[in-house]
Amino acid sequence: MARRVINPETVCRPVSPTYSHASVASTGRLLFIAGQVATDIKGRCVGDDIRTQTAQVYTNIRLILEAAGATLDNVLHTDVFMVDVDRDLEGYLEVRKGVFTHNPPPSTLVEVRRLVAGEYLVEVKAVAELPAE
């Protein structure tokens, strides 16, 4: 069984034909979500502050999870890429606490020089386990 690609209509279409938003492992249980930035459904950057951008990033992740039949509770791990940890960590964590209200998944955070476009402050990718069918 080949992997299944997920590009829900509830989030911006991939900006390049070289990637998909998510794929489900051939076992059908693991969902790998590509790094999400603060884009709305039309591909426009949402917000110029870390709180607004983080909220949009996690909205995109939630919508992708829902398209795959999962919720934020199914997230096993996140990787976070941030352009200015000193300035933005507190605001990011404030929003994340509201996203994962109990038993937050493990996470790795890395400061990067720049994301795909200069207006983005944070990018998050995630791995989730899909519920049994």
Protein backbone atom coordinates (compact mmCIF):
# COMPACT_ATOMS: atom_id res chain seq x y z
CA MET A 1 0.00 0.00 0.00
CA ALA A 2 1.42 3.38 -1.01
CA ARG A 3 1.27 6.43 1.18
CA ARG A 4 -1.83 8.62 0.94
CA VAL A 5 -1.39 12.35 0.37
CA ILE A 6 -3.67 14.89 2.07
CA ASN A 7 -4.18 18.42 0.73
CA PRO A 8 -7.49 19.55 2.25
CA GLU A 9 -9.48 22.34 0.64
CA THR A 10 -9.76 24.00 4.08
CA VAL A 11 -6.15 25.28 3.96
CA CYS A 12 -4.13 27.09 1.30
CA ARG A 13 -3.15 24.86 -1.62
CA PRO A 14 0.55 23.90 -1.56
CA VAL A 15 2.47 26.82 -3.03
CA SER A 16 4.59 24.46 -5.10
CA PRO A 17 3.90 21.16 -6.83
CA THR A 18 6.99 19.81 -5.06
CA TYR A 19 5.25 19.03 -1.74
CA SER A 20 1.95 18.10 -0.11
CA HIS A 21 0.58 19.31 3.22
CA ALA A 22 0.50 15.83 4.73
CA SER A 23 0.87 12.15 4.01
CA VAL A 24 -0.33 9.07 5.81
CA ALA A 25 2.13 6.19 6.24
CA SER A 26 1.33 2.99 4.38
CA THR A 27 0.27 1.41 7.68
CA GLY A 28 -2.52 3.98 7.72
CA ARG A 29 -1.75 5.09 11.28
CA LEU A 30 0.96 7.78 11.07
CA LEU A 31 0.25 11.22 9.60
CA PHE A 32 3.18 13.46 8.69
CA ILE A 33 2.25 17.15 8.37
CA ALA A 34 4.58 19.44 6.43
CA GLY A 35 5.77 22.62 8.09
CA GLN A 36 2.86 25.04 8.34
CA VAL A 37 3.26 28.81 8.27
CA ALA A 38 0.71 31.54 8.97
CA THR A 39 -1.23 31.42 5.70
CA ASP A 40 -4.96 31.75 5.30
CA ILE A 41 -6.94 29.65 2.82
CA LYS A 42 -5.99 32.08 0.00
CA GLY A 43 -2.27 31.82 0.75
CA ARG A 44 -1.93 35.24 2.39
CA CYS A 45 0.26 35.73 5.45
CA VAL A 46 -1.87 36.24 8.56
CA GLY A 47 -0.53 38.67 11.15
CA ASP A 48 2.81 40.29 11.77
CA ASP A 49 3.19 39.18 15.39
CA ILE A 50 4.06 35.80 16.87
CA ARG A 51 0.73 35.22 18.65
CA THR A 52 -1.39 35.79 15.55
CA GLN A 53 0.94 33.76 13.35
CA THR A 54 1.17 30.88 15.83
CA ALA A 55 -2.62 30.75 16.13
CA GLN A 56 -2.93 30.51 12.32
CA VAL A 57 -0.23 27.83 12.13
CA TYR A 58 -2.07 25.66 14.64
CA THR A 59 -5.39 26.33 12.90
CA ASN A 60 -3.85 24.99 9.69
CA ILE A 61 -2.52 21.93 11.51
CA ARG A 62 -5.94 21.34 13.12
CA LEU A 63 -7.68 21.57 9.73
CA ILE A 64 -5.25 19.08 8.18
CA LEU A 65 -5.75 16.72 11.11
CA GLU A 66 -9.53 16.97 10.75
CA ALA A 67 -9.27 16.18 7.04
CA ALA A 68 -7.44 12.99 8.02
CA GLY A 69 -9.96 12.08 10.73
CA ALA A 70 -7.83 13.16 13.69
CA THR A 71 -7.59 15.97 16.25
CA LEU A 72 -4.82 17.87 18.00
CA ASP A 73 -4.96 15.18 20.70
CA ASN A 74 -3.48 12.77 18.14
CA VAL A 75 -0.28 14.80 17.67
CA LEU A 76 2.76 12.79 18.74
CA HIS A 77 5.51 15.35 18.10
CA THR A 78 6.12 18.82 16.70
CA ASP A 79 9.17 20.52 15.24
CA VAL A 80 9.15 24.31 15.52
CA PHE A 81 11.28 26.69 13.47
CA MET A 82 11.40 30.29 14.70
CA VAL A 83 13.33 33.28 13.37
CA ASP A 84 13.78 35.09 16.71
CA VAL A 85 13.51 32.89 19.79
CA ASP A 86 14.51 35.63 22.24
CA ARG A 87 11.77 37.94 21.04
CA ASP A 88 9.00 35.44 20.25
CA LEU A 89 9.27 32.37 22.50
CA GLU A 90 6.98 33.68 25.24
CA GLY A 91 4.19 34.58 22.78
CA TYR A 92 4.53 31.29 20.94
CA LEU A 93 4.33 29.28 24.17
CA GLU A 94 1.29 31.26 25.32
CA VAL A 95 -0.63 30.21 22.20
CA ARG A 96 0.68 26.64 22.28
CA LYS A 97 -0.57 26.23 25.85
CA GLY A 98 -4.05 27.02 24.58
CA VAL A 99 -3.70 24.50 21.74
CA PHE A 100 -2.42 21.59 23.80
CA THR A 101 -4.25 22.09 27.08
CA HIS A 102 -3.29 18.73 28.60
CA ASN A 103 -0.52 16.24 27.85
CA PRO A 104 1.28 18.38 25.26
CA PRO A 105 3.34 16.41 22.76
CA PRO A 106 7.14 16.51 22.79
CA SER A 107 8.59 19.26 20.67
CA THR A 108 11.87 20.43 19.24
CA LEU A 109 12.44 24.15 18.67
CA VAL A 110 15.17 25.49 16.41
CA GLU A 111 16.03 29.09 15.63
CA VAL A 112 16.53 29.68 11.91
CA ARG A 113 17.82 32.66 9.96
CA ARG A 114 14.76 32.85 7.71
CA LEU A 115 11.68 30.88 6.69
CA VAL A 116 10.32 30.45 3.16
CA ALA A 117 9.29 34.12 3.06
CA GLY A 118 10.53 37.02 5.16
CA GLU A 119 7.15 37.81 6.76
CA TYR A 120 6.86 34.42 8.46
CA LEU A 121 8.01 34.25 12.08
CA VAL A 122 7.29 30.59 12.89
CA GLU A 123 6.78 27.27 11.13
CA VAL A 124 5.56 24.05 12.75
CA LYS A 125 5.56 20.53 11.38
CA ALA A 126 3.87 17.65 13.16
CA VAL A 127 3.50 13.88 13.31
CA ALA A 128 0.23 12.40 14.49
CA GLU A 129 -1.18 8.91 15.04
CA LEU A 130 -4.54 8.47 13.37
CA PRO A 131 -7.34 6.91 15.40
CA ALA A 132 -8.23 3.30 14.68
CA GLU A 133 -10.96 3.03 12.08
